[in-house]
């Protein structure tokens, strides 16, 4: 999914490390988080979150780990997932 992108990050920094820091500051438990992803760079994030949502157009590895796979792609899939869990 991210094959045409170049991502340069310091060692040990990814979406999961960023979220972990936010959770520490806000005193929120991992189990109370929802993460939504579609690419390989979301795999570390999925290891951290309580609820894992893969969008329809996600890479297979993410779909395998997901709690929920949306029937729609991209932004519409995000709306679908948020509606599923919070409406």
PDB file of N, CA and C in Angstrom:
ATOM      1  N   UNK A   1       0.821  -1.197   0.000  1.00  0.00           N
ATOM      2  CA  UNK A   1       0.000   0.000   0.000  1.00  0.00           C
ATOM      3  C   UNK A   1       0.861   1.256   0.000  1.00  0.00           C
ATOM      4  N   UNK A   2       1.993   1.221   0.642  1.00  0.00           N
ATOM      5  CA  UNK A   2       2.875   2.393   0.704  1.00  0.00           C
ATOM      6  C   UNK A   2       4.088   2.239  -0.204  1.00  0.00           C
ATOM      7  N   UNK A   3       3.971   1.443  -1.232  1.00  0.00           N
ATOM      8  CA  UNK A   3       5.124   1.142  -2.082  1.00  0.00           C
ATOM      9  C   UNK A   3       5.659   2.360  -2.823  1.00  0.00           C
ATOM     10  N   UNK A   4       4.825   3.331  -3.104  1.00  0.00           N
ATOM     11  CA  UNK A   4       5.287   4.518  -3.825  1.00  0.00           C
ATOM     12  C   UNK A   4       5.596   5.682  -2.879  1.00  0.00           C
ATOM     13  N   UNK A   5       5.786   5.381  -1.607  1.00  0.00           N
ATOM     14  CA  UNK A   5       6.066   6.412  -0.607  1.00  0.00           C
ATOM     15  C   UNK A   5       7.417   6.165   0.055  1.00  0.00           C
ATOM     16  N   UNK A   6       8.056   7.219   0.458  1.00  0.00           N
ATOM     17  CA  UNK A   6       9.298   7.129   1.214  1.00  0.00           C
ATOM     18  C   UNK A   6       9.036   7.734   2.585  1.00  0.00           C
ATOM     19  N   UNK A   7       9.271   6.944   3.616  1.00  0.00           N
ATOM     20  CA  UNK A   7       9.064   7.422   4.982  1.00  0.00           C
ATOM     21  C   UNK A   7      10.383   7.377   5.724  1.00  0.00           C
ATOM     22  N   UNK A   8      10.837   8.525   6.183  1.00  0.00           N
ATOM     23  CA  UNK A   8      12.080   8.621   6.939  1.00  0.00           C
ATOM     24  C   UNK A   8      11.749   8.971   8.385  1.00  0.00           C
ATOM     25  N   UNK A   9      12.072   8.053   9.276  1.00  0.00           N
ATOM     26  CA  UNK A   9      11.795   8.250  10.695  1.00  0.00           C
ATOM     27  C   UNK A   9      13.032   7.915  11.503  1.00  0.00           C
ATOM     28  N   UNK A  10      13.214   8.558  12.639  1.00  0.00           N
ATOM     29  CA  UNK A  10      14.323   8.188  13.517  1.00  0.00           C
ATOM     30  C   UNK A  10      14.143   6.745  13.999  1.00  0.00           C
ATOM     31  N   UNK A  11      15.235   6.071  14.326  1.00  0.00           N
ATOM     32  CA  UNK A  11      15.127   4.694  14.840  1.00  0.00           C
ATOM     33  C   UNK A  11      14.200   4.632  16.057  1.00  0.00           C
ATOM     34  N   UNK A  12      13.325   3.635  16.062  1.00  0.00           N
ATOM     35  CA  UNK A  12      12.419   3.445  17.184  1.00  0.00           C
ATOM     36  C   UNK A  12      11.175   4.313  17.165  1.00  0.00           C
ATOM     37  N   UNK A  13      11.003   5.099  16.112  1.00  0.00           N
ATOM     38  CA  UNK A  13       9.838   5.976  16.023  1.00  0.00           C
ATOM     39  C   UNK A  13       8.901   5.461  14.939  1.00  0.00           C
ATOM     40  N   UNK A  14       7.648   5.247  15.305  1.00  0.00           N
ATOM     41  CA  UNK A  14       6.608   4.864  14.356  1.00  0.00           C
ATOM     42  C   UNK A  14       5.267   5.309  14.937  1.00  0.00           C
ATOM     43  N   UNK A  15       4.189   4.957  14.282  1.00  0.00           N
ATOM     44  CA  UNK A  15       2.873   5.371  14.773  1.00  0.00           C
ATOM     45  C   UNK A  15       2.606   4.832  16.176  1.00  0.00           C
ATOM     46  N   UNK A  16       3.037   3.617  16.432  1.00  0.00           N
ATOM     47  CA  UNK A  16       2.807   3.008  17.748  1.00  0.00           C
ATOM     48  C   UNK A  16       3.555   3.756  18.844  1.00  0.00           C
ATOM     49  N   UNK A  17       4.791   4.128  18.598  1.00  0.00           N
ATOM     50  CA  UNK A  17       5.552   4.843  19.633  1.00  0.00           C
ATOM     51  C   UNK A  17       4.939   6.211  19.903  1.00  0.00           C
ATOM     52  N   UNK A  18       4.429   6.853  18.868  1.00  0.00           N
ATOM     53  CA  UNK A  18       3.756   8.139  19.055  1.00  0.00           C
ATOM     54  C   UNK A  18       2.481   8.000  19.865  1.00  0.00           C
ATOM     55  N   UNK A  19       1.678   6.984  19.531  1.00  0.00           N
ATOM     56  CA  UNK A  19       0.445   6.761  20.275  1.00  0.00           C
ATOM     57  C   UNK A  19       0.739   6.375  21.719  1.00  0.00           C
ATOM     58  N   UNK A  20       1.745   5.553  21.918  1.00  0.00           N
ATOM     59  CA  UNK A  20       2.099   5.139  23.274  1.00  0.00           C
ATOM     60  C   UNK A  20       2.422   6.350  24.145  1.00  0.00           C
ATOM     61  N   UNK A  21       3.134   7.298  23.587  1.00  0.00           N
ATOM     62  CA  UNK A  21       3.472   8.519  24.337  1.00  0.00           C
ATOM     63  C   UNK A  21       2.212   9.318  24.683  1.00  0.00           C
ATOM     64  N   UNK A  22       1.304   9.444  23.720  1.00  0.00           N
ATOM     65  CA  UNK A  22       0.049  10.167  23.966  1.00  0.00           C
ATOM     66  C   UNK A  22      -0.760   9.473  25.062  1.00  0.00           C
ATOM     67  N   UNK A  23      -0.821   8.144  25.006  1.00  0.00           N
ATOM     68  CA  UNK A  23      -1.565   7.396  26.023  1.00  0.00           C
ATOM     69  C   UNK A  23      -0.970   7.603  27.412  1.00  0.00           C
ATOM     70  N   UNK A  24       0.348   7.656  27.484  1.00  0.00           N
ATOM     71  CA  UNK A  24       1.012   7.898  28.769  1.00  0.00           C
ATOM     72  C   UNK A  24       0.665   9.280  29.316  1.00  0.00           C
ATOM     73  N   UNK A  25       0.729  10.281  28.464  1.00  0.00           N
ATOM     74  CA  UNK A  25       0.451  11.656  28.889  1.00  0.00           C
ATOM     75  C   UNK A  25      -1.005  11.807  29.334  1.00  0.00           C
ATOM     76  N   UNK A  26      -1.923  11.171  28.593  1.00  0.00           N
ATOM     77  CA  UNK A  26      -3.351  11.302  28.891  1.00  0.00           C
ATOM     78  C   UNK A  26      -3.864  10.266  29.889  1.00  0.00           C
ATOM     79  N   UNK A  27      -2.996   9.347  30.281  1.00  0.00           N
ATOM     80  CA  UNK A  27      -3.369   8.279  31.221  1.00  0.00           C
ATOM     81  C   UNK A  27      -4.545   7.451  30.696  1.00  0.00           C
ATOM     82  N   UNK A  28      -4.424   7.025  29.452  1.00  0.00           N
ATOM     83  CA  UNK A  28      -5.448   6.190  28.809  1.00  0.00           C
ATOM     84  C   UNK A  28      -4.872   4.793  28.615  1.00  0.00           C
ATOM     85  N   UNK A  29      -5.677   3.785  28.900  1.00  0.00           N
ATOM     86  CA  UNK A  29      -5.241   2.398  28.730  1.00  0.00           C
ATOM     87  C   UNK A  29      -5.290   2.007  27.257  1.00  0.00           C
ATOM     88  N   UNK A  30      -4.351   1.187  26.835  1.00  0.00           N
ATOM     89  CA  UNK A  30      -4.285   0.721  25.444  1.00  0.00           C
ATOM     90  C   UNK A  30      -5.590   0.075  24.999  1.00  0.00           C
ATOM     91  N   UNK A  31      -6.192  -0.678  25.898  1.00  0.00           N
ATOM     92  CA  UNK A  31      -7.408  -1.412  25.570  1.00  0.00           C
ATOM     93  C   UNK A  31      -8.558  -0.490  25.184  1.00  0.00           C
ATOM     94  N   UNK A  32      -8.458   0.775  25.549  1.00  0.00           N
ATOM     95  CA  UNK A  32      -9.527   1.741  25.273  1.00  0.00           C
ATOM     96  C   UNK A  32      -9.300   2.515  23.976  1.00  0.00           C
ATOM     97  N   UNK A  33      -8.378   2.046  23.146  1.00  0.00           N
ATOM     98  CA  UNK A  33      -8.060   2.756  21.910  1.00  0.00           C
ATOM     99  C   UNK A  33      -8.600   2.025  20.689  1.00  0.00           C
ATOM    100  N   UNK A  34      -8.894   2.810  19.664  1.00  0.00           N
ATOM    101  CA  UNK A  34      -9.294   2.288  18.360  1.00  0.00           C
ATOM    102  C   UNK A  34      -8.281   2.807  17.359  1.00  0.00           C
ATOM    103  N   UNK A  35      -7.692   1.910  16.589  1.00  0.00           N
ATOM    104  CA  UNK A  35      -6.802   2.360  15.525  1.00  0.00           C
ATOM    105  C   UNK A  35      -7.379   1.895  14.190  1.00  0.00           C
ATOM    106  N   UNK A  36      -7.184   2.722  13.184  1.00  0.00           N
ATOM    107  CA  UNK A  36      -7.686   2.441  11.842  1.00  0.00           C
ATOM    108  C   UNK A  36      -6.506   2.549  10.895  1.00  0.00           C
ATOM    109  N   UNK A  37      -6.299   1.517  10.084  1.00  0.00           N
ATOM    110  CA  UNK A  37      -5.155   1.535   9.182  1.00  0.00           C
ATOM    111  C   UNK A  37      -5.410   0.806   7.886  1.00  0.00           C
ATOM    112  N   UNK A  38      -4.434   0.947   6.977  1.00  0.00           N
ATOM    113  CA  UNK A  38      -4.542   0.264   5.689  1.00  0.00           C
ATOM    114  C   UNK A  38      -3.204  -0.227   5.148  1.00  0.00           C
ATOM    115  N   UNK A  39      -2.091   0.197   5.735  1.00  0.00           N
ATOM    116  CA  UNK A  39      -0.785  -0.141   5.168  1.00  0.00           C
ATOM    117  C   UNK A  39       0.140  -0.852   6.131  1.00  0.00           C
ATOM    118  N   UNK A  40       1.283  -1.284   5.583  1.00  0.00           N
ATOM    119  CA  UNK A  40       2.285  -1.989   6.388  1.00  0.00           C
ATOM    120  C   UNK A  40       2.769  -1.145   7.558  1.00  0.00           C
ATOM    121  N   UNK A  41       2.804   0.159   7.368  1.00  0.00           N
ATOM    122  CA  UNK A  41       3.286   1.036   8.435  1.00  0.00           C
ATOM    123  C   UNK A  41       2.314   1.111   9.614  1.00  0.00           C
ATOM    124  N   UNK A  42       1.148   0.501   9.484  1.00  0.00           N
ATOM    125  CA  UNK A  42       0.178   0.462  10.577  1.00  0.00           C
ATOM    126  C   UNK A  42       0.289  -0.814  11.414  1.00  0.00           C
ATOM    127  N   UNK A  43       1.113  -1.762  11.004  1.00  0.00           N
ATOM    128  CA  UNK A  43       1.248  -3.024  11.743  1.00  0.00           C
ATOM    129  C   UNK A  43       1.696  -2.816  13.195  1.00  0.00           C
ATOM    130  N   UNK A  44       2.720  -1.998  13.472  1.00  0.00           N
ATOM    131  CA  UNK A  44       3.092  -1.773  14.881  1.00  0.00           C
ATOM    132  C   UNK A  44       1.953  -1.138  15.688  1.00  0.00           C
ATOM    133  N   UNK A  45       1.203  -0.276  15.057  1.00  0.00           N
ATOM    134  CA  UNK A  45       0.065   0.370  15.710  1.00  0.00           C
ATOM    135  C   UNK A  45      -0.979  -0.669  16.106  1.00  0.00           C
ATOM    136  N   UNK A  46      -1.209  -1.635  15.242  1.00  0.00           N
ATOM    137  CA  UNK A  46      -2.200  -2.681  15.515  1.00  0.00           C
ATOM    138  C   UNK A  46      -1.797  -3.541  16.710  1.00  0.00           C
ATOM    139  N   UNK A  47      -0.509  -3.650  16.987  1.00  0.00           N
ATOM    140  CA  UNK A  47      -0.058  -4.424  18.145  1.00  0.00           C
ATOM    141  C   UNK A  47      -0.377  -3.701  19.452  1.00  0.00           C
ATOM    142  N   UNK A  48      -0.621  -2.417  19.369  1.00  0.00           N
ATOM    143  CA  UNK A  48      -0.818  -1.581  20.551  1.00  0.00           C
ATOM    144  C   UNK A  48      -2.284  -1.352  20.909  1.00  0.00           C
ATOM    145  N   UNK A  49      -3.135  -1.233  19.918  1.00  0.00           N
ATOM    146  CA  UNK A  49      -4.519  -0.806  20.134  1.00  0.00           C
ATOM    147  C   UNK A  49      -5.436  -1.920  20.610  1.00  0.00           C
ATOM    148  N   UNK A  50      -6.478  -1.516  21.331  1.00  0.00           N
ATOM    149  CA  UNK A  50      -7.478  -2.469  21.786  1.00  0.00           C
ATOM    150  C   UNK A  50      -8.380  -2.922  20.660  1.00  0.00           C
ATOM    151  N   UNK A  51      -8.877  -1.983  19.873  1.00  0.00           N
ATOM    152  CA  UNK A  51      -9.727  -2.295  18.724  1.00  0.00           C
ATOM    153  C   UNK A  51      -8.959  -1.922  17.473  1.00  0.00           C
ATOM    154  N   UNK A  52      -8.859  -2.871  16.555  1.00  0.00           N
ATOM    155  CA  UNK A  52      -8.074  -2.688  15.339  1.00  0.00           C
ATOM    156  C   UNK A  52      -8.999  -2.741  14.132  1.00  0.00           C
ATOM    157  N   UNK A  53      -9.039  -1.665  13.350  1.00  0.00           N
ATOM    158  CA  UNK A  53      -9.891  -1.598  12.170  1.00  0.00           C
ATOM    159  C   UNK A  53      -9.016  -1.539  10.929  1.00  0.00           C
ATOM    160  N   UNK A  54      -9.243  -2.483  10.029  1.00  0.00           N
ATOM    161  CA  UNK A  54      -8.574  -2.466   8.727  1.00  0.00           C
ATOM    162  C   UNK A  54      -9.595  -2.011   7.689  1.00  0.00           C
ATOM    163  N   UNK A  55      -9.178  -1.116   6.833  1.00  0.00           N
ATOM    164  CA  UNK A  55     -10.060  -0.663   5.765  1.00  0.00           C
ATOM    165  C   UNK A  55     -10.127  -1.721   4.670  1.00  0.00           C
ATOM    166  N   UNK A  56     -11.169  -1.665   3.862  1.00  0.00           N
ATOM    167  CA  UNK A  56     -11.367  -2.651   2.796  1.00  0.00           C
ATOM    168  C   UNK A  56     -10.133  -2.783   1.912  1.00  0.00           C
ATOM    169  N   UNK A  57      -9.469  -1.673   1.636  1.00  0.00           N
ATOM    170  CA  UNK A  57      -8.312  -1.671   0.742  1.00  0.00           C
ATOM    171  C   UNK A  57      -6.991  -1.874   1.487  1.00  0.00           C
ATOM    172  N   UNK A  58      -7.052  -2.437   2.692  1.00  0.00           N
ATOM    173  CA  UNK A  58      -5.843  -2.680   3.493  1.00  0.00           C
ATOM    174  C   UNK A  58      -5.023  -3.835   2.947  1.00  0.00           C
ATOM    175  N   UNK A  59      -3.759  -3.850   3.353  1.00  0.00           N
ATOM    176  CA  UNK A  59      -2.898  -4.987   3.028  1.00  0.00           C
ATOM    177  C   UNK A  59      -3.405  -6.210   3.799  1.00  0.00           C
ATOM    178  N   UNK A  60      -3.220  -7.407   3.243  1.00  0.00           N
ATOM    179  CA  UNK A  60      -3.734  -8.624   3.885  1.00  0.00           C
ATOM    180  C   UNK A  60      -3.256  -8.824   5.323  1.00  0.00           C
ATOM    181  N   UNK A  61      -1.996  -8.470   5.618  1.00  0.00           N
ATOM    182  CA  UNK A  61      -1.468  -8.661   6.974  1.00  0.00           C
ATOM    183  C   UNK A  61      -2.274  -7.879   8.011  1.00  0.00           C
ATOM    184  N   UNK A  62      -2.749  -6.719   7.637  1.00  0.00           N
ATOM    185  CA  UNK A  62      -3.535  -5.894   8.555  1.00  0.00           C
ATOM    186  C   UNK A  62      -4.926  -6.491   8.753  1.00  0.00           C
ATOM    187  N   UNK A  63      -5.520  -6.957   7.663  1.00  0.00           N
ATOM    188  CA  UNK A  63      -6.851  -7.567   7.756  1.00  0.00           C
ATOM    189  C   UNK A  63      -6.831  -8.786   8.673  1.00  0.00           C
ATOM    190  N   UNK A  64      -5.739  -9.534   8.646  1.00  0.00           N
ATOM    191  CA  UNK A  64      -5.626 -10.724   9.497  1.00  0.00           C
ATOM    192  C   UNK A  64      -5.635 -10.368  10.981  1.00  0.00           C
ATOM    193  N   UNK A  65      -5.111  -9.219  11.332  1.00  0.00           N
ATOM    194  CA  UNK A  65      -5.006  -8.806  12.738  1.00  0.00           C
ATOM    195  C   UNK A  65      -6.199  -7.966  13.202  1.00  0.00           C
ATOM    196  N   UNK A  66      -7.071  -7.607  12.278  1.00  0.00           N
ATOM    197  CA  UNK A  66      -8.147  -6.659  12.571  1.00  0.00           C
ATOM    198  C   UNK A  66      -9.270  -7.253  13.413  1.00  0.00           C
ATOM    199  N   UNK A  67      -9.836  -6.411  14.262  1.00  0.00           N
ATOM    200  CA  UNK A  67     -11.062  -6.736  14.989  1.00  0.00           C
ATOM    201  C   UNK A  67     -12.263  -6.540  14.070  1.00  0.00           C
ATOM    202  N   UNK A  68     -12.103  -5.625  13.107  1.00  0.00           N
ATOM    203  CA  UNK A  68     -13.187  -5.263  12.195  1.00  0.00           C
ATOM    204  C   UNK A  68     -12.556  -4.856  10.874  1.00  0.00           C
ATOM    205  N   UNK A  69     -13.117  -5.331   9.757  1.00  0.00           N
ATOM    206  CA  UNK A  69     -12.677  -4.930   8.419  1.00  0.00           C
ATOM    207  C   UNK A  69     -13.848  -4.206   7.770  1.00  0.00           C
ATOM    208  N   UNK A  70     -13.607  -2.983   7.351  1.00  0.00           N
ATOM    209  CA  UNK A  70     -14.689  -2.191   6.765  1.00  0.00           C
ATOM    210  C   UNK A  70     -15.066  -2.722   5.384  1.00  0.00           C
ATOM    211  N   UNK A  71     -16.296  -2.466   4.993  1.00  0.00           N
ATOM    212  CA  UNK A  71     -16.780  -2.844   3.669  1.00  0.00           C
ATOM    213  C   UNK A  71     -16.445  -1.763   2.643  1.00  0.00           C
ATOM    214  N   UNK A  72     -15.977  -0.608   3.141  1.00  0.00           N
ATOM    215  CA  UNK A  72     -15.660   0.524   2.262  1.00  0.00           C
ATOM    216  C   UNK A  72     -14.185   0.869   2.378  1.00  0.00           C
ATOM    217  N   UNK A  73     -13.690   1.596   1.384  1.00  0.00           N
ATOM    218  CA  UNK A  73     -12.278   1.975   1.338  1.00  0.00           C
ATOM    219  C   UNK A  73     -12.063   3.394   1.862  1.00  0.00           C
ATOM    220  N   UNK A  74     -10.831   3.654   2.220  1.00  0.00           N
ATOM    221  CA  UNK A  74     -10.344   4.992   2.549  1.00  0.00           C
ATOM    222  C   UNK A  74     -11.263   5.735   3.525  1.00  0.00           C
ATOM    223  N   UNK A  75     -11.576   7.003   3.232  1.00  0.00           N
ATOM    224  CA  UNK A  75     -12.350   7.836   4.147  1.00  0.00           C
ATOM    225  C   UNK A  75     -13.730   7.290   4.454  1.00  0.00           C
ATOM    226  N   UNK A  76     -14.379   6.702   3.462  1.00  0.00           N
ATOM    227  CA  UNK A  76     -15.706   6.127   3.702  1.00  0.00           C
ATOM    228  C   UNK A  76     -15.615   4.940   4.651  1.00  0.00           C
ATOM    229  N   UNK A  77     -14.512   4.211   4.584  1.00  0.00           N
ATOM    230  CA  UNK A  77     -14.295   3.107   5.514  1.00  0.00           C
ATOM    231  C   UNK A  77     -14.069   3.599   6.932  1.00  0.00           C
ATOM    232  N   UNK A  78     -13.404   4.735   7.069  1.00  0.00           N
ATOM    233  CA  UNK A  78     -13.192   5.330   8.394  1.00  0.00           C
ATOM    234  C   UNK A  78     -14.539   5.728   8.998  1.00  0.00           C
ATOM    235  N   UNK A  79     -15.377   6.390   8.206  1.00  0.00           N
ATOM    236  CA  UNK A  79     -16.710   6.781   8.681  1.00  0.00           C
ATOM    237  C   UNK A  79     -17.508   5.539   9.072  1.00  0.00           C
ATOM    238  N   UNK A  80     -17.446   4.507   8.245  1.00  0.00           N
ATOM    239  CA  UNK A  80     -18.152   3.255   8.543  1.00  0.00           C
ATOM    240  C   UNK A  80     -17.692   2.672   9.880  1.00  0.00           C
ATOM    241  N   UNK A  81     -16.396   2.622  10.092  1.00  0.00           N
ATOM    242  CA  UNK A  81     -15.855   2.046  11.326  1.00  0.00           C
ATOM    243  C   UNK A  81     -16.256   2.869  12.546  1.00  0.00           C
ATOM    244  N   UNK A  82     -16.149   4.172  12.448  1.00  0.00           N
ATOM    245  CA  UNK A  82     -16.531   5.029  13.575  1.00  0.00           C
ATOM    246  C   UNK A  82     -18.018   4.894  13.885  1.00  0.00           C
ATOM    247  N   UNK A  83     -18.836   4.790  12.849  1.00  0.00           N
ATOM    248  CA  UNK A  83     -20.274   4.585  13.040  1.00  0.00           C
ATOM    249  C   UNK A  83     -20.529   3.234  13.695  1.00  0.00           C
ATOM    250  N   UNK A  84     -19.805   2.214  13.253  1.00  0.00           N
ATOM    251  CA  UNK A  84     -19.960   0.865  13.806  1.00  0.00           C
ATOM    252  C   UNK A  84     -19.690   0.852  15.310  1.00  0.00           C
ATOM    253  N   UNK A  85     -18.654   1.542  15.743  1.00  0.00           N
ATOM    254  CA  UNK A  85     -18.263   1.495  17.148  1.00  0.00           C
ATOM    255  C   UNK A  85     -18.886   2.575  18.026  1.00  0.00           C
ATOM    256  N   UNK A  86     -19.273   3.703  17.448  1.00  0.00           N
ATOM    257  CA  UNK A  86     -19.689   4.824  18.291  1.00  0.00           C
ATOM    258  C   UNK A  86     -21.093   5.357  18.039  1.00  0.00           C
ATOM    259  N   UNK A  87     -21.804   4.841  17.065  1.00  0.00           N
ATOM    260  CA  UNK A  87     -23.159   5.366  16.777  1.00  0.00           C
ATOM    261  C   UNK A  87     -24.204   4.694  17.639  1.00  0.00           C
TER     262      UNK A  87
END
